[in-house]
């Protein structure tokens, strides 16, 4: 029995969520599980055994062998959003939680097995997106003084470092598997496009140059492929990534070449907010939706 089914408020039941997996070589799509409520941001565990997602402020783990769902116990953090990332060693999980005192998103870290979360970013809003390969740093998007930029911070906390400035609306930072780059999306050239920079913020280079708005670059574990979600630029402002839109997943090489449409779906916000590649670098998990 689905342990979540009785917990959901009516506002979370206005959609059906389909957790899908696509083979990026054959294009074959498979619905792993459907949910009678909203789920978001699937993330494959590094051992390939489970998919982690968020729903109604909590984080859950779906066993791919049994189909059972268990809660990742985040204690007082009951407003977790769709920004959660498992550490490279899989012993820890970091996540963004809309804190009770002011409702702003801040980043926390705790053991993946459950525990008391430790605050990493005292300033908010901060939205987590990636954990460095060596486990020492977190990359995130944050709004400071009305501007959205890319920041990094030690995974143990400390002083944050701003990597983009006066560069447009910036979001979705992700460390490359080689550890040399951070990929992100930015409106610096007009539409939202995918960019890449060194981990210290230097040598910014545009990766995509499409006619849509490109969000959330996710690199395959082997570093060879890049997938992102694309909105129609005529219907969605460049700075926005709403839910319940017709979007597509686009696949390309890590340098932006050879882009192809991987899948078209009804989704957007919640579909692939975090890296959802399988460890084999061939399968990708995502969420599509249907309004009731």
Protein backbone atom coordinates (compact mmCIF):
# COMPACT_ATOMS: atom_id res chain seq x y z
CA UNK A 1 0.00 0.00 0.00
CA UNK A 2 1.20 3.52 -0.77
CA UNK A 3 2.14 4.91 2.64
CA UNK A 4 1.69 8.49 1.41
CA UNK A 5 -1.79 8.22 -0.04
CA UNK A 6 -3.69 9.35 3.05
CA UNK A 7 -1.40 12.26 3.86
CA UNK A 8 -2.09 14.58 0.98
CA UNK A 9 -4.11 17.75 1.04
CA UNK A 10 -6.63 18.39 -1.75
CA UNK A 11 -4.29 20.95 -3.36
CA UNK A 12 -1.74 18.20 -3.95
CA UNK A 13 -4.31 16.01 -5.65
CA UNK A 14 -5.06 18.20 -8.65
CA UNK A 15 -2.53 16.27 -10.74
CA UNK A 16 -1.51 12.71 -11.44
CA UNK A 17 2.28 12.29 -11.39
CA UNK A 18 3.99 9.74 -13.60
CA UNK A 19 7.51 8.71 -12.61
CA UNK A 20 9.08 7.77 -15.92
CA UNK A 21 12.41 6.38 -17.08
CA UNK A 22 13.69 6.87 -20.62
CA UNK A 23 16.49 5.05 -22.39
CA UNK A 24 18.39 7.85 -24.12
CA UNK A 25 19.76 5.45 -26.76
CA UNK A 26 16.51 3.80 -27.87
CA UNK A 27 14.09 6.52 -26.77
CA UNK A 28 11.94 3.94 -24.99
CA UNK A 29 9.86 5.49 -22.17
CA UNK A 30 8.55 3.45 -19.26
CA UNK A 31 6.24 4.55 -16.45
CA UNK A 32 7.79 3.16 -13.27
CA UNK A 33 4.96 4.27 -11.01
CA UNK A 34 2.01 6.65 -11.09
CA UNK A 35 0.91 8.72 -8.10
CA UNK A 36 -2.50 10.20 -7.34
CA UNK A 37 -0.79 13.38 -6.12
CA UNK A 38 2.13 15.67 -6.81
CA UNK A 39 5.70 14.36 -6.65
CA UNK A 40 8.79 16.17 -7.92
CA UNK A 41 12.49 15.96 -8.72
CA UNK A 42 13.46 12.29 -9.04
CA UNK A 43 17.08 11.52 -8.18
CA UNK A 44 18.67 8.11 -8.67
CA UNK A 45 20.74 6.81 -5.78
CA UNK A 46 24.36 6.14 -6.74
CA UNK A 47 23.95 2.39 -6.21
CA UNK A 48 21.08 2.34 -8.72
CA UNK A 49 18.67 0.70 -6.29
CA UNK A 50 16.29 3.57 -5.52
CA UNK A 51 14.87 6.85 -6.73
CA UNK A 52 14.47 9.73 -4.28
CA UNK A 53 11.77 12.38 -4.73
CA UNK A 54 9.98 15.07 -2.73
CA UNK A 55 6.29 15.55 -2.02
CA UNK A 56 4.24 17.62 0.44
CA UNK A 57 7.37 19.03 2.07
CA UNK A 58 9.01 15.68 2.75
CA UNK A 59 11.58 13.52 0.96
CA UNK A 60 10.91 9.89 0.04
CA UNK A 61 12.81 6.92 -1.36
CA UNK A 62 11.26 4.46 -3.81
CA UNK A 63 12.85 1.01 -3.99
CA UNK A 64 13.06 -0.03 -7.64
CA UNK A 65 13.09 -3.73 -6.75
CA UNK A 66 10.08 -3.80 -4.43
CA UNK A 67 8.18 -0.61 -5.25
CA UNK A 68 8.04 0.26 -1.56
CA UNK A 69 8.20 3.89 -0.49
CA UNK A 70 9.93 4.99 2.69
CA UNK A 71 10.40 8.45 4.16
CA UNK A 72 13.83 10.02 4.55
CA UNK A 73 13.38 11.38 8.07
CA UNK A 74 14.23 15.08 7.91
CA UNK A 75 12.89 15.77 11.43
CA UNK A 76 11.83 19.44 11.78
CA UNK A 77 12.42 20.16 8.07
CA UNK A 78 8.84 19.63 6.93
CA UNK A 79 8.82 22.12 4.03
CA UNK A 80 11.45 20.54 1.79
CA UNK A 81 11.20 21.71 -1.82
CA UNK A 82 12.38 20.10 -5.04
CA UNK A 83 16.09 20.77 -4.48
CA UNK A 84 17.71 17.75 -2.81
CA UNK A 85 21.04 16.08 -3.63
CA UNK A 86 22.67 12.90 -2.33
CA UNK A 87 26.39 13.13 -1.52
CA UNK A 88 28.90 11.31 -3.79
CA UNK A 89 29.50 8.68 -1.10
CA UNK A 90 25.70 8.32 -0.57
CA UNK A 91 26.06 8.67 3.19
CA UNK A 92 24.65 12.21 3.30
CA UNK A 93 21.82 14.18 1.74
CA UNK A 94 21.56 17.95 1.41
CA UNK A 95 18.30 19.69 0.65
CA UNK A 96 16.50 23.01 0.55
CA UNK A 97 13.80 23.62 3.16
CA UNK A 98 11.44 26.58 3.39
CA UNK A 99 12.15 27.54 6.97
CA UNK A 100 9.34 28.10 9.44
CA UNK A 101 10.51 31.49 10.72
CA UNK A 102 10.18 33.40 7.43
CA UNK A 103 9.30 30.86 4.71
CA UNK A 104 12.59 31.38 2.85
CA UNK A 105 14.43 28.41 1.40
CA UNK A 106 17.71 27.50 3.11
CA UNK A 107 20.06 24.56 2.62
CA UNK A 108 20.54 21.81 5.20
CA UNK A 109 22.61 18.64 5.39
CA UNK A 110 22.12 15.40 7.30
CA UNK A 111 22.82 11.63 7.08
CA UNK A 112 20.88 9.97 4.25
CA UNK A 113 19.66 7.39 6.78
CA UNK A 114 17.94 10.22 8.68
CA UNK A 115 18.88 12.59 11.45
CA UNK A 116 18.83 16.16 12.68
CA UNK A 117 19.52 18.52 9.75
CA UNK A 118 22.42 20.97 10.03
CA UNK A 119 21.94 24.46 8.58
CA UNK A 120 24.44 25.22 5.81
CA UNK A 121 23.24 28.56 4.41
CA UNK A 122 21.99 31.03 7.05
CA UNK A 123 20.95 33.43 4.28
CA UNK A 124 17.82 32.82 2.23
CA UNK A 125 16.44 32.16 -0.20
CA UNK A 126 19.00 29.53 -1.23
CA UNK A 127 18.15 26.66 -3.57
CA UNK A 128 20.50 23.67 -3.69
CA UNK A 129 21.41 22.07 -7.01
CA UNK A 130 24.66 20.10 -6.84
CA UNK A 131 27.31 18.45 -4.69
CA UNK A 132 30.93 18.52 -5.88
CA UNK A 133 32.59 15.25 -6.88
CA UNK A 134 34.95 15.36 -3.90
CA UNK A 135 32.05 16.03 -1.53
CA UNK A 136 33.60 19.26 -0.23
CA UNK A 137 31.32 21.89 -1.82
CA UNK A 138 27.69 22.61 -2.66
CA UNK A 139 26.52 24.73 -5.60
CA UNK A 140 23.26 26.60 -5.41
CA UNK A 141 21.15 29.44 -6.75
CA UNK A 142 20.40 32.26 -4.33
CA UNK A 143 18.55 35.56 -4.39
CA UNK A 144 20.54 38.34 -2.80
CA UNK A 145 19.44 41.98 -3.05
CA UNK A 146 16.92 41.15 -5.76
CA UNK A 147 19.35 39.30 -8.04
CA UNK A 148 19.52 35.53 -8.67
CA UNK A 149 23.08 34.28 -8.93
CA UNK A 150 25.22 31.17 -8.59
CA UNK A 151 27.01 30.52 -5.30
CA UNK A 152 29.19 27.79 -3.81
CA UNK A 153 29.80 26.98 -0.16
CA UNK A 154 31.62 24.33 1.83
CA UNK A 155 29.39 21.29 2.36
CA UNK A 156 30.03 21.83 6.08
CA UNK A 157 28.92 25.46 5.92
CA UNK A 158 30.86 28.69 6.16
CA UNK A 159 31.16 31.74 3.92
CA UNK A 160 29.40 31.57 0.57
CA UNK A 161 31.20 32.59 -2.64
CA UNK A 162 29.34 34.33 -5.45
CA UNK A 163 30.30 33.09 -8.93
CA UNK A 164 28.03 35.17 -11.19
CA UNK A 165 27.41 38.90 -10.91
CA UNK A 166 25.58 41.29 -13.24
CA UNK A 167 25.15 38.33 -15.56
CA UNK A 168 21.34 38.12 -15.81
CA UNK A 169 19.06 35.63 -14.02
CA UNK A 170 21.18 32.60 -13.10
CA UNK A 171 20.01 29.21 -11.82
CA UNK A 172 20.53 25.44 -11.86
CA UNK A 173 24.29 25.12 -11.14
CA UNK A 174 25.74 21.64 -11.43
CA UNK A 175 29.30 20.40 -11.00
CA UNK A 176 30.60 18.38 -13.93
CA UNK A 177 31.69 14.78 -13.16
CA UNK A 178 35.28 15.72 -14.02
CA UNK A 179 35.21 18.36 -11.28
CA UNK A 180 36.49 21.17 -13.52
CA UNK A 181 33.28 22.97 -14.43
CA UNK A 182 29.95 24.22 -13.16
CA UNK A 183 27.13 24.19 -15.69
CA UNK A 184 24.20 26.56 -15.14
CA UNK A 185 21.39 28.33 -16.96
CA UNK A 186 21.37 32.10 -17.49
CA UNK A 187 19.55 34.88 -19.33
CA UNK A 188 22.84 36.68 -19.97
CA UNK A 189 22.39 36.49 -23.75
CA UNK A 190 18.61 37.07 -23.76
CA UNK A 191 16.76 33.78 -23.62
CA UNK A 192 17.53 31.31 -20.86
CA UNK A 193 20.43 29.23 -22.14
CA UNK A 194 22.95 26.74 -20.74
CA UNK A 195 26.38 28.07 -19.80
CA UNK A 196 29.56 26.60 -18.36
CA UNK A 197 32.30 28.09 -16.19
CA UNK A 198 35.33 27.02 -14.23
CA UNK A 199 34.53 26.10 -10.62
CA UNK A 200 36.02 29.42 -9.51
CA UNK A 201 33.57 31.34 -11.71
CA UNK A 202 36.00 32.26 -14.49
CA UNK A 203 35.86 31.50 -18.24
CA UNK A 204 32.08 31.62 -18.67
CA UNK A 205 31.04 30.08 -21.99
CA UNK A 206 27.61 29.64 -23.57
CA UNK A 207 26.81 25.99 -24.37
CA UNK A 208 23.38 26.20 -26.05
CA UNK A 209 21.98 28.73 -28.51
CA UNK A 210 18.41 27.58 -29.07
CA UNK A 211 15.12 29.39 -29.63
CA UNK A 212 13.56 28.07 -26.41
CA UNK A 213 14.35 28.68 -22.75
CA UNK A 214 16.74 26.03 -21.47
CA UNK A 215 16.72 25.07 -17.78
CA UNK A 216 18.48 22.71 -15.38
CA UNK A 217 21.51 21.21 -17.16
CA UNK A 218 22.18 17.68 -15.95
CA UNK A 219 25.33 15.81 -16.94
CA UNK A 220 25.46 12.03 -17.19
CA UNK A 221 27.77 10.34 -14.66
CA UNK A 222 30.30 9.56 -17.41
CA UNK A 223 30.34 13.24 -18.38
CA UNK A 224 29.51 12.61 -22.03
CA UNK A 225 25.86 13.69 -22.23
CA UNK A 226 23.84 16.68 -21.14
CA UNK A 227 20.08 16.84 -20.75
CA UNK A 228 17.92 19.87 -19.93
CA UNK A 229 14.28 20.92 -19.99
CA UNK A 230 13.15 23.40 -22.64
CA UNK A 231 10.20 25.81 -22.48
CA UNK A 232 8.60 27.56 -25.45
CA UNK A 233 9.99 31.10 -25.33
CA UNK A 234 6.73 32.48 -26.74
CA UNK A 235 4.65 31.25 -23.81
CA UNK A 236 7.00 31.43 -20.81
CA UNK A 237 9.25 34.34 -19.77
CA UNK A 238 12.96 33.54 -19.86
CA UNK A 239 13.34 33.93 -16.08
CA UNK A 240 10.48 31.55 -15.20
CA UNK A 241 10.11 27.75 -15.07
CA UNK A 242 6.46 27.10 -14.13
CA UNK A 243 4.60 23.84 -13.71
CA UNK A 244 1.89 22.49 -16.02
CA UNK A 245 3.41 23.45 -19.35
CA UNK A 246 4.14 21.56 -22.54
CA UNK A 247 7.90 21.13 -22.49
CA UNK A 248 10.56 18.90 -23.97
CA UNK A 249 13.68 17.19 -22.70
CA UNK A 250 16.63 17.89 -24.96
CA UNK A 251 19.72 15.66 -25.14
CA UNK A 252 23.12 16.76 -26.40
CA UNK A 253 26.82 16.19 -25.86
CA UNK A 254 28.41 17.91 -22.88
CA UNK A 255 29.66 20.70 -25.17
CA UNK A 256 26.15 21.37 -26.48
CA UNK A 257 26.60 19.72 -29.87
CA UNK A 258 24.25 17.29 -31.60
CA UNK A 259 21.13 18.35 -29.69
CA UNK A 260 18.04 16.20 -30.21
CA UNK A 261 14.56 16.19 -28.67
CA UNK A 262 14.49 13.29 -26.24
CA UNK A 263 10.87 13.50 -25.04
CA UNK A 264 7.88 15.83 -25.12
CA UNK A 265 5.65 15.96 -22.06
CA UNK A 266 3.32 17.99 -19.85
CA UNK A 267 5.39 19.17 -16.92
CA UNK A 268 8.07 21.76 -16.18
CA UNK A 269 8.57 22.63 -12.52
CA UNK A 270 9.17 19.32 -10.75
CA UNK A 271 10.11 17.31 -13.86
CA UNK A 272 13.93 17.29 -13.53
CA UNK A 273 14.89 19.91 -10.96
CA UNK A 274 17.85 17.79 -9.83
CA UNK A 275 20.17 15.40 -11.67
CA UNK A 276 18.15 12.28 -12.43
CA UNK A 277 20.58 10.21 -14.49
CA UNK A 278 20.95 6.54 -13.64
CA UNK A 279 24.48 5.38 -12.73
CA UNK A 280 24.74 3.67 -16.14
CA UNK A 281 24.61 7.07 -17.94
CA UNK A 282 21.99 5.61 -20.28
CA UNK A 283 18.69 5.96 -18.40
CA UNK A 284 17.08 9.13 -17.15
CA UNK A 285 14.24 9.50 -14.64
CA UNK A 286 11.73 12.34 -14.86
CA UNK A 287 8.18 13.22 -13.83
CA UNK A 288 5.36 14.02 -16.23
CA UNK A 289 1.92 15.14 -15.13
CA UNK A 290 -1.76 15.09 -16.04
CA UNK A 291 -4.27 17.57 -14.66
CA UNK A 292 -7.43 16.14 -13.10
